[in-house]
Amino acid sequence: MSGVYGKDLQKIAFDLCKSMDVSQFVQGGVYCMVGGPNFETIAEARLLHRLGVDAVGMSTAPEVVVATQCGMRVFGLSLITNKVVKSYDDTESVNHEAVLEVSKLRSQMLQTLVSQMDINNNAV
C-alpha cells in the first residue's frame, strides 16, 4: 500500500491552491486513521505525535485500500478542523460545534478545489 496516492494529482491540487491563493491552508503530511466516532484522547494524541503523524481522522484509509484494489488513481484530501490537545494542563478542548464551524468556513474553498480538479492532469 505504499505509493498509492497519485503524485500527479497532488501536484495539480497544489498548483490549483496556489492559483486560488489558498496555499497557506494546504500542506502534505502523514495521515493516521483511528477508530471513531470520538476525538483522540490526550494519551493517543501524544503517541501519534511521537510517531510523526500530522493529521488524524476516522476515515479515508479504508476507501483508499478499496480504490487501489479496484485499480483507481487516488488523491487524498482532508480538512483539518481542530488542533489536537496534547496536554492535561490545557484548558482548551475539542468539541463538535467548533469542528462544524471550521468546516463551514472552509467548505467553499474545498468545493472550488475539488470542482477544478481534472484527472487528466490538466487544471480546468
PDB file of N, CA and C in Angstrom:
ATOM      1  N   MET A   1       0.812  -1.209   0.000  1.00  0.00           N
ATOM      2  CA  MET A   1       0.000   0.000   0.000  1.00  0.00           C
ATOM      3  C   MET A   1       0.852   1.268   0.000  1.00  0.00           C
ATOM      4  N   SER A   2       2.153   1.151  -0.186  1.00  0.00           N
ATOM      5  CA  SER A   2       2.941   2.370  -0.270  1.00  0.00           C
ATOM      6  C   SER A   2       2.840   2.946  -1.678  1.00  0.00           C
ATOM      7  N   GLY A   3       2.873   4.253  -1.780  1.00  0.00           N
ATOM      8  CA  GLY A   3       2.806   4.910  -3.074  1.00  0.00           C
ATOM      9  C   GLY A   3       1.443   4.885  -3.732  1.00  0.00           C
ATOM     10  N   VAL A   4       0.375   4.796  -2.968  1.00  0.00           N
ATOM     11  CA  VAL A   4      -0.959   4.706  -3.567  1.00  0.00           C
ATOM     12  C   VAL A   4      -1.525   6.060  -3.987  1.00  0.00           C
ATOM     13  N   TYR A   5      -1.010   7.131  -3.430  1.00  0.00           N
ATOM     14  CA  TYR A   5      -1.528   8.455  -3.759  1.00  0.00           C
ATOM     15  C   TYR A   5      -0.820   8.981  -5.004  1.00  0.00           C
ATOM     16  N   GLY A   6      -1.586   9.427  -5.994  1.00  0.00           N
ATOM     17  CA  GLY A   6      -1.039   9.909  -7.251  1.00  0.00           C
ATOM     18  C   GLY A   6      -0.307  11.231  -7.093  1.00  0.00           C
ATOM     19  N   LYS A   7       1.000  11.213  -7.292  1.00  0.00           N
ATOM     20  CA  LYS A   7       1.794  12.437  -7.185  1.00  0.00           C
ATOM     21  C   LYS A   7       1.358  13.471  -8.223  1.00  0.00           C
ATOM     22  N   ASP A   8       0.920  13.010  -9.388  1.00  0.00           N
ATOM     23  CA  ASP A   8       0.445  13.945 -10.408  1.00  0.00           C
ATOM     24  C   ASP A   8      -0.816  14.676  -9.932  1.00  0.00           C
ATOM     25  N   LEU A   9      -1.684  13.959  -9.233  1.00  0.00           N
ATOM     26  CA  LEU A   9      -2.899  14.587  -8.709  1.00  0.00           C
ATOM     27  C   LEU A   9      -2.559  15.548  -7.566  1.00  0.00           C
ATOM     28  N   GLN A  10      -1.567  15.190  -6.762  1.00  0.00           N
ATOM     29  CA  GLN A  10      -1.129  16.089  -5.697  1.00  0.00           C
ATOM     30  C   GLN A  10      -0.604  17.395  -6.290  1.00  0.00           C
ATOM     31  N   LYS A  11       0.187  17.268  -7.355  1.00  0.00           N
ATOM     32  CA  LYS A  11       0.744  18.464  -7.987  1.00  0.00           C
ATOM     33  C   LYS A  11      -0.369  19.351  -8.534  1.00  0.00           C
ATOM     34  N   ILE A  12      -1.357  18.745  -9.181  1.00  0.00           N
ATOM     35  CA  ILE A  12      -2.488  19.523  -9.698  1.00  0.00           C
ATOM     36  C   ILE A  12      -3.167  20.272  -8.550  1.00  0.00           C
ATOM     37  N   ALA A  13      -3.392  19.588  -7.439  1.00  0.00           N
ATOM     38  CA  ALA A  13      -4.065  20.210  -6.295  1.00  0.00           C
ATOM     39  C   ALA A  13      -3.233  21.355  -5.722  1.00  0.00           C
ATOM     40  N   PHE A  14      -1.935  21.138  -5.548  1.00  0.00           N
ATOM     41  CA  PHE A  14      -1.080  22.202  -5.015  1.00  0.00           C
ATOM     42  C   PHE A  14      -1.033  23.397  -5.966  1.00  0.00           C
ATOM     43  N   ASP A  15      -0.965  23.145  -7.284  1.00  0.00           N
ATOM     44  CA  ASP A  15      -0.964  24.226  -8.270  1.00  0.00           C
ATOM     45  C   ASP A  15      -2.280  25.000  -8.234  1.00  0.00           C
ATOM     46  N   LEU A  16      -3.402  24.275  -8.109  1.00  0.00           N
ATOM     47  CA  LEU A  16      -4.703  24.943  -8.020  1.00  0.00           C
ATOM     48  C   LEU A  16      -4.791  25.809  -6.765  1.00  0.00           C
ATOM     49  N   CYS A  17      -4.298  25.284  -5.661  1.00  0.00           N
ATOM     50  CA  CYS A  17      -4.329  26.051  -4.409  1.00  0.00           C
ATOM     51  C   CYS A  17      -3.519  27.332  -4.546  1.00  0.00           C
ATOM     52  N   LYS A  18      -2.387  27.219  -5.233  1.00  0.00           N
ATOM     53  CA  LYS A  18      -1.565  28.407  -5.465  1.00  0.00           C
ATOM     54  C   LYS A  18      -2.341  29.419  -6.303  1.00  0.00           C
ATOM     55  N   SER A  19      -2.986  28.971  -7.386  1.00  0.00           N
ATOM     56  CA  SER A  19      -3.737  29.889  -8.244  1.00  0.00           C
ATOM     57  C   SER A  19      -4.966  30.454  -7.528  1.00  0.00           C
ATOM     58  N   MET A  20      -5.500  29.718  -6.553  1.00  0.00           N
ATOM     59  CA  MET A  20      -6.644  30.189  -5.766  1.00  0.00           C
ATOM     60  C   MET A  20      -6.201  31.081  -4.608  1.00  0.00           C
ATOM     61  N   ASP A  21      -4.889  31.212  -4.413  1.00  0.00           N
ATOM     62  CA  ASP A  21      -4.304  31.996  -3.324  1.00  0.00           C
ATOM     63  C   ASP A  21      -4.710  31.461  -1.944  1.00  0.00           C
ATOM     64  N   VAL A  22      -4.721  30.125  -1.827  1.00  0.00           N
ATOM     65  CA  VAL A  22      -5.037  29.499  -0.543  1.00  0.00           C
ATOM     66  C   VAL A  22      -3.935  28.529  -0.110  1.00  0.00           C
ATOM     67  N   SER A  23      -2.754  28.690  -0.675  1.00  0.00           N
ATOM     68  CA  SER A  23      -1.643  27.782  -0.359  1.00  0.00           C
ATOM     69  C   SER A  23      -1.313  27.750   1.128  1.00  0.00           C
ATOM     70  N   GLN A  24      -1.581  28.851   1.826  1.00  0.00           N
ATOM     71  CA  GLN A  24      -1.276  28.896   3.255  1.00  0.00           C
ATOM     72  C   GLN A  24      -2.103  27.890   4.061  1.00  0.00           C
ATOM     73  N   PHE A  25      -3.176  27.390   3.479  1.00  0.00           N
ATOM     74  CA  PHE A  25      -4.032  26.427   4.170  1.00  0.00           C
ATOM     75  C   PHE A  25      -3.736  24.977   3.781  1.00  0.00           C
ATOM     76  N   VAL A  26      -2.786  24.773   2.876  1.00  0.00           N
ATOM     77  CA  VAL A  26      -2.587  23.449   2.291  1.00  0.00           C
ATOM     78  C   VAL A  26      -1.171  22.956   2.528  1.00  0.00           C
ATOM     79  N   GLN A  27      -1.046  21.701   2.932  1.00  0.00           N
ATOM     80  CA  GLN A  27       0.261  21.088   3.082  1.00  0.00           C
ATOM     81  C   GLN A  27       0.131  19.580   2.996  1.00  0.00           C
ATOM     82  N   GLY A  28       1.223  18.936   2.675  1.00  0.00           N
ATOM     83  CA  GLY A  28       1.265  17.485   2.680  1.00  0.00           C
ATOM     84  C   GLY A  28       1.641  17.009   4.068  1.00  0.00           C
ATOM     85  N   GLY A  29       1.378  15.747   4.334  1.00  0.00           N
ATOM     86  CA  GLY A  29       1.740  15.232   5.648  1.00  0.00           C
ATOM     87  C   GLY A  29       1.381  13.777   5.804  1.00  0.00           C
ATOM     88  N   VAL A  30       1.556  13.291   7.013  1.00  0.00           N
ATOM     89  CA  VAL A  30       1.269  11.906   7.366  1.00  0.00           C
ATOM     90  C   VAL A  30      -0.101  11.851   8.033  1.00  0.00           C
ATOM     91  N   TYR A  31      -0.998  11.052   7.432  1.00  0.00           N
ATOM     92  CA  TYR A  31      -2.368  10.903   7.927  1.00  0.00           C
ATOM     93  C   TYR A  31      -2.479   9.570   8.660  1.00  0.00           C
ATOM     94  N   CYS A  32      -3.145   9.585   9.793  1.00  0.00           N
ATOM     95  CA  CYS A  32      -3.382   8.359  10.553  1.00  0.00           C
ATOM     96  C   CYS A  32      -4.880   8.213  10.794  1.00  0.00           C
ATOM     97  N   MET A  33      -5.396   7.051  10.456  1.00  0.00           N
ATOM     98  CA  MET A  33      -6.803   6.779  10.712  1.00  0.00           C
ATOM     99  C   MET A  33      -6.950   6.098  12.067  1.00  0.00           C
ATOM    100  N   VAL A  34      -7.897   6.576  12.848  1.00  0.00           N
ATOM    101  CA  VAL A  34      -8.217   5.951  14.134  1.00  0.00           C
ATOM    102  C   VAL A  34      -9.702   5.618  14.140  1.00  0.00           C
ATOM    103  N   GLY A  35     -10.075   4.708  15.007  1.00  0.00           N
ATOM    104  CA  GLY A  35     -11.487   4.362  15.128  1.00  0.00           C
ATOM    105  C   GLY A  35     -12.274   5.521  15.705  1.00  0.00           C
ATOM    106  N   GLY A  36     -13.486   5.617  15.336  1.00  0.00           N
ATOM    107  CA  GLY A  36     -14.335   6.692  15.838  1.00  0.00           C
ATOM    108  C   GLY A  36     -15.658   6.108  16.275  1.00  0.00           C
ATOM    109  N   PRO A  37     -16.634   6.855  16.477  1.00  0.00           N
ATOM    110  CA  PRO A  37     -16.636   8.299  16.284  1.00  0.00           C
ATOM    111  C   PRO A  37     -16.371   9.050  17.587  1.00  0.00           C
ATOM    112  N   ASN A  38     -15.124   9.343  17.839  1.00  0.00           N
ATOM    113  CA  ASN A  38     -14.765  10.140  19.000  1.00  0.00           C
ATOM    114  C   ASN A  38     -13.438  10.844  18.738  1.00  0.00           C
ATOM    115  N   PHE A  39     -13.189  11.900  19.471  1.00  0.00           N
ATOM    116  CA  PHE A  39     -11.933  12.609  19.347  1.00  0.00           C
ATOM    117  C   PHE A  39     -10.842  11.842  20.100  1.00  0.00           C
ATOM    118  N   GLU A  40      -9.595  12.106  19.736  1.00  0.00           N
ATOM    119  CA  GLU A  40      -8.468  11.409  20.343  1.00  0.00           C
ATOM    120  C   GLU A  40      -8.315  11.819  21.811  1.00  0.00           C
ATOM    121  N   THR A  41      -7.859  10.877  22.617  1.00  0.00           N
ATOM    122  CA  THR A  41      -7.513  11.214  23.989  1.00  0.00           C
ATOM    123  C   THR A  41      -6.163  11.918  23.979  1.00  0.00           C
ATOM    124  N   ILE A  42      -5.811  12.549  25.062  1.00  0.00           N
ATOM    125  CA  ILE A  42      -4.516  13.215  25.165  1.00  0.00           C
ATOM    126  C   ILE A  42      -3.395  12.193  25.018  1.00  0.00           C
ATOM    127  N   ALA A  43      -3.531  11.027  25.618  1.00  0.00           N
ATOM    128  CA  ALA A  43      -2.505   9.984  25.502  1.00  0.00           C
ATOM    129  C   ALA A  43      -2.348   9.533  24.052  1.00  0.00           C
ATOM    130  N   GLU A  44      -3.459   9.338  23.354  1.00  0.00           N
ATOM    131  CA  GLU A  44      -3.393   8.951  21.939  1.00  0.00           C
ATOM    132  C   GLU A  44      -2.740  10.051  21.106  1.00  0.00           C
ATOM    133  N   ALA A  45      -3.100  11.294  21.382  1.00  0.00           N
ATOM    134  CA  ALA A  45      -2.534  12.423  20.636  1.00  0.00           C
ATOM    135  C   ALA A  45      -1.024  12.494  20.836  1.00  0.00           C
ATOM    136  N   ARG A  46      -0.572  12.294  22.052  1.00  0.00           N
ATOM    137  CA  ARG A  46       0.877  12.315  22.326  1.00  0.00           C
ATOM    138  C   ARG A  46       1.594  11.199  21.588  1.00  0.00           C
ATOM    139  N   LEU A  47       1.036  10.009  21.606  1.00  0.00           N
ATOM    140  CA  LEU A  47       1.640   8.872  20.922  1.00  0.00           C
ATOM    141  C   LEU A  47       1.721   9.120  19.419  1.00  0.00           C
ATOM    142  N   LEU A  48       0.620   9.550  18.831  1.00  0.00           N
ATOM    143  CA  LEU A  48       0.600   9.784  17.391  1.00  0.00           C
ATOM    144  C   LEU A  48       1.585  10.885  16.989  1.00  0.00           C
ATOM    145  N   HIS A  49       1.699  11.920  17.810  1.00  0.00           N
ATOM    146  CA  HIS A  49       2.659  12.988  17.544  1.00  0.00           C
ATOM    147  C   HIS A  49       4.087  12.438  17.557  1.00  0.00           C
ATOM    148  N   ARG A  50       4.397  11.602  18.530  1.00  0.00           N
ATOM    149  CA  ARG A  50       5.744  10.994  18.615  1.00  0.00           C
ATOM    150  C   ARG A  50       6.035  10.084  17.429  1.00  0.00           C
ATOM    151  N   LEU A  51       4.997   9.510  16.854  1.00  0.00           N
ATOM    152  CA  LEU A  51       5.166   8.630  15.699  1.00  0.00           C
ATOM    153  C   LEU A  51       5.281   9.416  14.382  1.00  0.00           C
ATOM    154  N   GLY A  52       5.124  10.748  14.446  1.00  0.00           N
ATOM    155  CA  GLY A  52       5.270  11.564  13.251  1.00  0.00           C
ATOM    156  C   GLY A  52       3.994  11.846  12.496  1.00  0.00           C
ATOM    157  N   VAL A  53       2.869  11.633  13.130  1.00  0.00           N
ATOM    158  CA  VAL A  53       1.577  11.858  12.487  1.00  0.00           C
ATOM    159  C   VAL A  53       1.270  13.356  12.460  1.00  0.00           C
ATOM    160  N   ASP A  54       0.842  13.842  11.290  1.00  0.00           N
ATOM    161  CA  ASP A  54       0.477  15.243  11.133  1.00  0.00           C
ATOM    162  C   ASP A  54      -1.024  15.477  11.227  1.00  0.00           C
ATOM    163  N   ALA A  55      -1.811  14.488  10.833  1.00  0.00           N
ATOM    164  CA  ALA A  55      -3.267  14.638  10.824  1.00  0.00           C
ATOM    165  C   ALA A  55      -3.910  13.310  11.207  1.00  0.00           C
ATOM    166  N   VAL A  56      -5.019  13.410  11.923  1.00  0.00           N
ATOM    167  CA  VAL A  56      -5.735  12.228  12.392  1.00  0.00           C
ATOM    168  C   VAL A  56      -7.180  12.319  11.911  1.00  0.00           C
ATOM    169  N   GLY A  57      -7.714  11.212  11.469  1.00  0.00           N
ATOM    170  CA  GLY A  57      -9.103  11.179  11.038  1.00  0.00           C
ATOM    171  C   GLY A  57      -9.717   9.827  11.287  1.00  0.00           C
ATOM    172  N   MET A  58     -11.004   9.720  10.983  1.00  0.00           N
ATOM    173  CA  MET A  58     -11.739   8.484  11.240  1.00  0.00           C
ATOM    174  C   MET A  58     -12.136   7.765   9.961  1.00  0.00           C
ATOM    175  N   SER A  59     -11.570   8.182   8.851  1.00  0.00           N
ATOM    176  CA  SER A  59     -11.940   7.573   7.588  1.00  0.00           C
ATOM    177  C   SER A  59     -10.747   7.640   6.644  1.00  0.00           C
ATOM    178  N   THR A  60     -10.988   7.619   5.381  1.00  0.00           N
ATOM    179  CA  THR A  60     -10.027   7.745   4.281  1.00  0.00           C
ATOM    180  C   THR A  60      -9.260   6.461   4.008  1.00  0.00           C
ATOM    181  N   ALA A  61      -8.602   5.879   4.999  1.00  0.00           N
ATOM    182  CA  ALA A  61      -7.763   4.699   4.752  1.00  0.00           C
ATOM    183  C   ALA A  61      -8.541   3.530   4.143  1.00  0.00           C
ATOM    184  N   PRO A  62      -9.699   3.131   4.661  1.00  0.00           N
ATOM    185  CA  PRO A  62     -10.417   2.006   4.032  1.00  0.00           C
ATOM    186  C   PRO A  62     -10.807   2.304   2.589  1.00  0.00           C
ATOM    187  N   GLU A  63     -11.207   3.542   2.317  1.00  0.00           N
ATOM    188  CA  GLU A  63     -11.587   3.918   0.967  1.00  0.00           C
ATOM    189  C   GLU A  63     -10.395   3.857   0.020  1.00  0.00           C
ATOM    190  N   VAL A  64      -9.226   4.272   0.513  1.00  0.00           N
ATOM    191  CA  VAL A  64      -8.006   4.238  -0.300  1.00  0.00           C
ATOM    192  C   VAL A  64      -7.631   2.790  -0.627  1.00  0.00           C
ATOM    193  N   VAL A  65      -7.754   1.911   0.332  1.00  0.00           N
ATOM    194  CA  VAL A  65      -7.435   0.498   0.102  1.00  0.00           C
ATOM    195  C   VAL A  65      -8.337  -0.073  -0.993  1.00  0.00           C
ATOM    196  N   VAL A  66      -9.633   0.150  -0.873  1.00  0.00           N
ATOM    197  CA  VAL A  66     -10.580  -0.385  -1.859  1.00  0.00           C
ATOM    198  C   VAL A  66     -10.338   0.234  -3.236  1.00  0.00           C
ATOM    199  N   ALA A  67     -10.165   1.544  -3.290  1.00  0.00           N
ATOM    200  CA  ALA A  67      -9.930   2.209  -4.577  1.00  0.00           C
ATOM    201  C   ALA A  67      -8.668   1.674  -5.245  1.00  0.00           C
ATOM    202  N   THR A  68      -7.627   1.476  -4.467  1.00  0.00           N
ATOM    203  CA  THR A  68      -6.373   0.947  -5.012  1.00  0.00           C
ATOM    204  C   THR A  68      -6.569  -0.469  -5.535  1.00  0.00           C
ATOM    205  N   GLN A  69      -7.282  -1.288  -4.771  1.00  0.00           N
ATOM    206  CA  GLN A  69      -7.550  -2.654  -5.206  1.00  0.00           C
ATOM    207  C   GLN A  69      -8.394  -2.685  -6.479  1.00  0.00           C
ATOM    208  N   CYS A  70      -9.191  -1.656  -6.708  1.00  0.00           N
ATOM    209  CA  CYS A  70     -10.017  -1.563  -7.921  1.00  0.00           C
ATOM    210  C   CYS A  70      -9.253  -0.942  -9.086  1.00  0.00           C
ATOM    211  N   GLY A  71      -8.001  -0.590  -8.866  1.00  0.00           N
ATOM    212  CA  GLY A  71      -7.185  -0.021  -9.923  1.00  0.00           C
ATOM    213  C   GLY A  71      -7.415   1.461 -10.170  1.00  0.00           C
ATOM    214  N   MET A  72      -8.034   2.131  -9.221  1.00  0.00           N
ATOM    215  CA  MET A  72      -8.310   3.557  -9.375  1.00  0.00           C
ATOM    216  C   MET A  72      -7.103   4.397  -8.970  1.00  0.00           C
ATOM    217  N   ARG A  73      -6.980   5.574  -9.592  1.00  0.00           N
ATOM    218  CA  ARG A  73      -5.994   6.553  -9.149  1.00  0.00           C
ATOM    219  C   ARG A  73      -6.564   7.215  -7.908  1.00  0.00           C
ATOM    220  N   VAL A  74      -5.699   7.516  -6.953  1.00  0.00           N
ATOM    221  CA  VAL A  74      -6.177   8.012  -5.662  1.00  0.00           C
ATOM    222  C   VAL A  74      -5.555   9.361  -5.338  1.00  0.00           C
ATOM    223  N   PHE A  75      -6.396  10.257  -4.876  1.00  0.00           N
ATOM    224  CA  PHE A  75      -5.979  11.556  -4.368  1.00  0.00           C
ATOM    225  C   PHE A  75      -6.600  11.715  -2.989  1.00  0.00           C
ATOM    226  N   GLY A  76      -5.801  11.981  -1.976  1.00  0.00           N
ATOM    227  CA  GLY A  76      -6.310  12.145  -0.614  1.00  0.00           C
ATOM    228  C   GLY A  76      -6.378  13.615  -0.247  1.00  0.00           C
ATOM    229  N   LEU A  77      -7.480  14.003   0.357  1.00  0.00           N
ATOM    230  CA  LEU A  77      -7.681  15.382   0.778  1.00  0.00           C
ATOM    231  C   LEU A  77      -8.435  15.364   2.097  1.00  0.00           C
ATOM    232  N   SER A  78      -7.877  16.002   3.092  1.00  0.00           N
ATOM    233  CA  SER A  78      -8.532  16.069   4.395  1.00  0.00           C
ATOM    234  C   SER A  78      -8.618  17.511   4.847  1.00  0.00           C
ATOM    235  N   LEU A  79      -9.744  17.885   5.400  1.00  0.00           N
ATOM    236  CA  LEU A  79      -9.901  19.204   6.003  1.00  0.00           C
ATOM    237  C   LEU A  79      -9.593  19.062   7.485  1.00  0.00           C
ATOM    238  N   ILE A  80      -8.556  19.750   7.929  1.00  0.00           N
ATOM    239  CA  ILE A  80      -8.196  19.707   9.349  1.00  0.00           C
ATOM    240  C   ILE A  80      -9.090  20.712  10.067  1.00  0.00           C
ATOM    241  N   THR A  81      -9.898  20.215  10.980  1.00  0.00           N
ATOM    242  CA  THR A  81     -10.904  21.063  11.616  1.00  0.00           C
ATOM    243  C   THR A  81     -10.577  21.443  13.052  1.00  0.00           C
ATOM    244  N   ASN A  82      -9.579  20.807  13.630  1.00  0.00           N
ATOM    245  CA  ASN A  82      -9.248  21.151  15.010  1.00  0.00           C
ATOM    246  C   ASN A  82      -7.801  20.795  15.311  1.00  0.00           C
ATOM    247  N   LYS A  83      -7.254  21.498  16.271  1.00  0.00           N
ATOM    248  CA  LYS A  83      -5.918  21.193  16.769  1.00  0.00           C
ATOM    249  C   LYS A  83      -6.079  20.192  17.915  1.00  0.00           C
ATOM    250  N   VAL A  84      -5.267  19.167  17.886  1.00  0.00           N
ATOM    251  CA  VAL A  84      -5.365  18.126  18.902  1.00  0.00           C
ATOM    252  C   VAL A  84      -4.785  18.633  20.220  1.00  0.00           C
ATOM    253  N   VAL A  85      -5.468  18.354  21.294  1.00  0.00           N
ATOM    254  CA  VAL A  85      -4.996  18.727  22.626  1.00  0.00           C
ATOM    255  C   VAL A  85      -4.042  17.644  23.110  1.00  0.00           C
ATOM    256  N   LYS A  86      -2.803  18.064  23.485  1.00  0.00           N
ATOM    257  CA  LYS A  86      -1.783  17.096  23.906  1.00  0.00           C
ATOM    258  C   LYS A  86      -1.326  17.304  25.343  1.00  0.00           C
ATOM    259  N   SER A  87      -1.982  18.173  26.074  1.00  0.00           N
ATOM    260  CA  SER A  87      -1.561  18.437  27.452  1.00  0.00           C
ATOM    261  C   SER A  87      -2.751  18.351  28.393  1.00  0.00           C
ATOM    262  N   TYR A  88      -2.531  17.686  29.515  1.00  0.00           N
ATOM    263  CA  TYR A  88      -3.591  17.594  30.519  1.00  0.00           C
ATOM    264  C   TYR A  88      -3.829  18.937  31.198  1.00  0.00           C
ATOM    265  N   ASP A  89      -2.863  19.862  31.074  1.00  0.00           N
ATOM    266  CA  ASP A  89      -2.999  21.186  31.673  1.00  0.00           C
ATOM    267  C   ASP A  89      -3.698  22.173  30.740  1.00  0.00           C
ATOM    268  N   ASP A  90      -3.919  21.790  29.505  1.00  0.00           N
ATOM    269  CA  ASP A  90      -4.538  22.670  28.524  1.00  0.00           C
ATOM    270  C   ASP A  90      -6.004  22.882  28.878  1.00  0.00           C
ATOM    271  N   THR A  91      -6.432  24.131  28.851  1.00  0.00           N
ATOM    272  CA  THR A  91      -7.835  24.424  29.162  1.00  0.00           C
ATOM    273  C   THR A  91      -8.729  24.299  27.931  1.00  0.00           C
ATOM    274  N   GLU A  92      -8.110  24.239  26.732  1.00  0.00           N
ATOM    275  CA  GLU A  92      -8.890  24.064  25.511  1.00  0.00           C
ATOM    276  C   GLU A  92      -9.309  22.608  25.370  1.00  0.00           C
ATOM    277  N   SER A  93     -10.410  22.414  24.694  1.00  0.00           N
ATOM    278  CA  SER A  93     -10.830  21.052  24.380  1.00  0.00           C
ATOM    279  C   SER A  93     -11.491  21.054  23.008  1.00  0.00           C
ATOM    280  N   VAL A  94     -11.523  19.906  22.401  1.00  0.00           N
ATOM    281  CA  VAL A  94     -12.145  19.765  21.088  1.00  0.00           C
ATOM    282  C   VAL A  94     -13.636  19.533  21.300  1.00  0.00           C
ATOM    283  N   ASN A  95     -14.447  20.212  20.483  1.00  0.00           N
ATOM    284  CA  ASN A  95     -15.883  19.970  20.576  1.00  0.00           C
ATOM    285  C   ASN A  95     -16.487  19.964  19.181  1.00  0.00           C
ATOM    286  N   HIS A  96     -17.570  19.282  19.066  1.00  0.00           N
ATOM    287  CA  HIS A  96     -18.225  19.063  17.776  1.00  0.00           C
ATOM    288  C   HIS A  96     -18.660  20.378  17.117  1.00  0.00           C
ATOM    289  N   GLU A  97     -19.146  21.324  17.903  1.00  0.00           N
ATOM    290  CA  GLU A  97     -19.624  22.591  17.355  1.00  0.00           C
ATOM    291  C   GLU A  97     -18.487  23.363  16.688  1.00  0.00           C
ATOM    292  N   ALA A  98     -17.313  23.400  17.304  1.00  0.00           N
ATOM    293  CA  ALA A  98     -16.164  24.109  16.726  1.00  0.00           C
ATOM    294  C   ALA A  98     -15.704  23.436  15.437  1.00  0.00           C
ATOM    295  N   VAL A  99     -15.727  22.110  15.404  1.00  0.00           N
ATOM    296  CA  VAL A  99     -15.360  21.364  14.194  1.00  0.00           C
ATOM    297  C   VAL A  99     -16.307  21.715  13.053  1.00  0.00           C
ATOM    298  N   LEU A 100     -17.602  21.768  13.343  1.00  0.00           N
ATOM    299  CA  LEU A 100     -18.594  22.128  12.317  1.00  0.00           C
ATOM    300  C   LEU A 100     -18.386  23.557  11.822  1.00  0.00           C
ATOM    301  N   GLU A 101     -18.016  24.456  12.708  1.00  0.00           N
ATOM    302  CA  GLU A 101     -17.795  25.853  12.320  1.00  0.00           C
ATOM    303  C   GLU A 101     -16.609  25.977  11.365  1.00  0.00           C
ATOM    304  N   VAL A 102     -15.509  25.292  11.654  1.00  0.00           N
ATOM    305  CA  VAL A 102     -14.356  25.326  10.755  1.00  0.00           C
ATOM    306  C   VAL A 102     -14.733  24.719   9.409  1.00  0.00           C
ATOM    307  N   SER A 103     -15.468  23.631   9.430  1.00  0.00           N
ATOM    308  CA  SER A 103     -15.925  23.003   8.184  1.00  0.00           C
ATOM    309  C   SER A 103     -16.730  23.984   7.351  1.00  0.00           C
ATOM    310  N   LYS A 104     -17.596  24.707   7.996  1.00  0.00           N
ATOM    311  CA  LYS A 104     -18.430  25.689   7.297  1.00  0.00           C
ATOM    312  C   LYS A 104     -17.566  26.807   6.700  1.00  0.00           C
ATOM    313  N   LEU A 105     -16.557  27.261   7.443  1.00  0.00           N
ATOM    314  CA  LEU A 105     -15.687  28.337   6.971  1.00  0.00           C
ATOM    315  C   LEU A 105     -14.882  27.942   5.731  1.00  0.00           C
ATOM    316  N   ARG A 106     -14.485  26.682   5.651  1.00  0.00           N
ATOM    317  CA  ARG A 106     -13.613  26.230   4.564  1.00  0.00           C
ATOM    318  C   ARG A 106     -14.351  25.472   3.460  1.00  0.00           C
ATOM    319  N   SER A 107     -15.656  25.307   3.587  1.00  0.00           N
ATOM    320  CA  SER A 107     -16.388  24.484   2.622  1.00  0.00           C
ATOM    321  C   SER A 107     -16.313  25.028   1.200  1.00  0.00           C
ATOM    322  N   GLN A 108     -16.428  26.332   1.022  1.00  0.00           N
ATOM    323  CA  GLN A 108     -16.409  26.900  -0.325  1.00  0.00           C
ATOM    324  C   GLN A 108     -15.043  26.684  -0.982  1.00  0.00           C
ATOM    325  N   MET A 109     -13.972  26.868  -0.215  1.00  0.00           N
ATOM    326  CA  MET A 109     -12.629  26.650  -0.747  1.00  0.00           C
ATOM    327  C   MET A 109     -12.460  25.202  -1.215  1.00  0.00           C
ATOM    328  N   LEU A 110     -12.937  24.255  -0.413  1.00  0.00           N
ATOM    329  CA  LEU A 110     -12.832  22.846  -0.785  1.00  0.00           C
ATOM    330  C   LEU A 110     -13.682  22.526  -2.005  1.00  0.00           C
ATOM    331  N   GLN A 111     -14.875  23.056  -2.062  1.00  0.00           N
ATOM    332  CA  GLN A 111     -15.743  22.821  -3.225  1.00  0.00           C
ATOM    333  C   GLN A 111     -15.093  23.337  -4.499  1.00  0.00           C
ATOM    334  N   THR A 112     -14.498  24.512  -4.421  1.00  0.00           N
ATOM    335  CA  THR A 112     -13.828  25.080  -5.596  1.00  0.00           C
ATOM    336  C   THR A 112     -12.650  24.218  -6.007  1.00  0.00           C
ATOM    337  N   LEU A 113     -11.839  23.819  -5.049  1.00  0.00           N
ATOM    338  CA  LEU A 113     -10.672  22.987  -5.350  1.00  0.00           C
ATOM    339  C   LEU A 113     -11.076  21.680  -6.017  1.00  0.00           C
ATOM    340  N   VAL A 114     -12.024  20.982  -5.431  1.00  0.00           N
ATOM    341  CA  VAL A 114     -12.436  19.681  -5.960  1.00  0.00           C
ATOM    342  C   VAL A 114     -13.083  19.831  -7.330  1.00  0.00           C
ATOM    343  N   SER A 115     -13.882  20.859  -7.509  1.00  0.00           N
ATOM    344  CA  SER A 115     -14.536  21.038  -8.806  1.00  0.00           C
ATOM    345  C   SER A 115     -13.545  21.433  -9.905  1.00  0.00           C
ATOM    346  N   GLN A 116     -12.399  21.983  -9.529  1.00  0.00           N
ATOM    347  CA  GLN A 116     -11.393  22.375 -10.508  1.00  0.00           C
ATOM    348  C   GLN A 116     -10.415  21.241 -10.842  1.00  0.00           C
ATOM    349  N   MET A 117     -10.423  20.171 -10.070  1.00  0.00           N
ATOM    350  CA  MET A 117      -9.524  19.042 -10.338  1.00  0.00           C
ATOM    351  C   MET A 117      -9.907  18.369 -11.642  1.00  0.00           C
ATOM    352  N   ASP A 118      -8.904  18.041 -12.435  1.00  0.00           N
ATOM    353  CA  ASP A 118      -9.096  17.341 -13.697  1.00  0.00           C
ATOM    354  C   ASP A 118      -8.173  16.141 -13.680  1.00  0.00           C
ATOM    355  N   ILE A 119      -8.736  14.946 -13.662  1.00  0.00           N
ATOM    356  CA  ILE A 119      -7.920  13.740 -13.530  1.00  0.00           C
ATOM    357  C   ILE A 119      -7.063  13.456 -14.753  1.00  0.00           C
ATOM    358  N   ASN A 120      -7.244  14.206 -15.794  1.00  0.00           N
ATOM    359  CA  ASN A 120      -6.408  14.031 -16.995  1.00  0.00           C
ATOM    360  C   ASN A 120      -5.176  14.930 -16.953  1.00  0.00           C
ATOM    361  N   ASN A 121      -4.807  15.347 -15.728  1.00  0.00           N
ATOM    362  CA  ASN A 121      -3.591  16.153 -15.485  1.00  0.00           C
ATOM    363  C   ASN A 121      -3.670  17.568 -16.014  1.00  0.00           C
ATOM    364  N   ASN A 122      -4.826  18.083 -16.222  1.00  0.00           N
ATOM    365  CA  ASN A 122      -4.964  19.469 -16.669  1.00  0.00           C
ATOM    366  C   ASN A 122      -5.896  20.200 -15.715  1.00  0.00           C
ATOM    367  N   ALA A 123      -5.442  21.333 -15.209  1.00  0.00           N
ATOM    368  CA  ALA A 123      -6.330  22.140 -14.378  1.00  0.00           C
ATOM    369  C   ALA A 123      -7.376  22.782 -15.286  1.00  0.00           C
ATOM    370  N   VAL A 124      -8.605  22.813 -14.815  1.00  0.00           N
ATOM    371  CA  VAL A 124      -9.703  23.380 -15.599  1.00  0.00           C
ATOM    372  C   VAL A 124      -9.581  24.885 -15.639  1.00  0.00           C
TER     373      VAL A 124
END
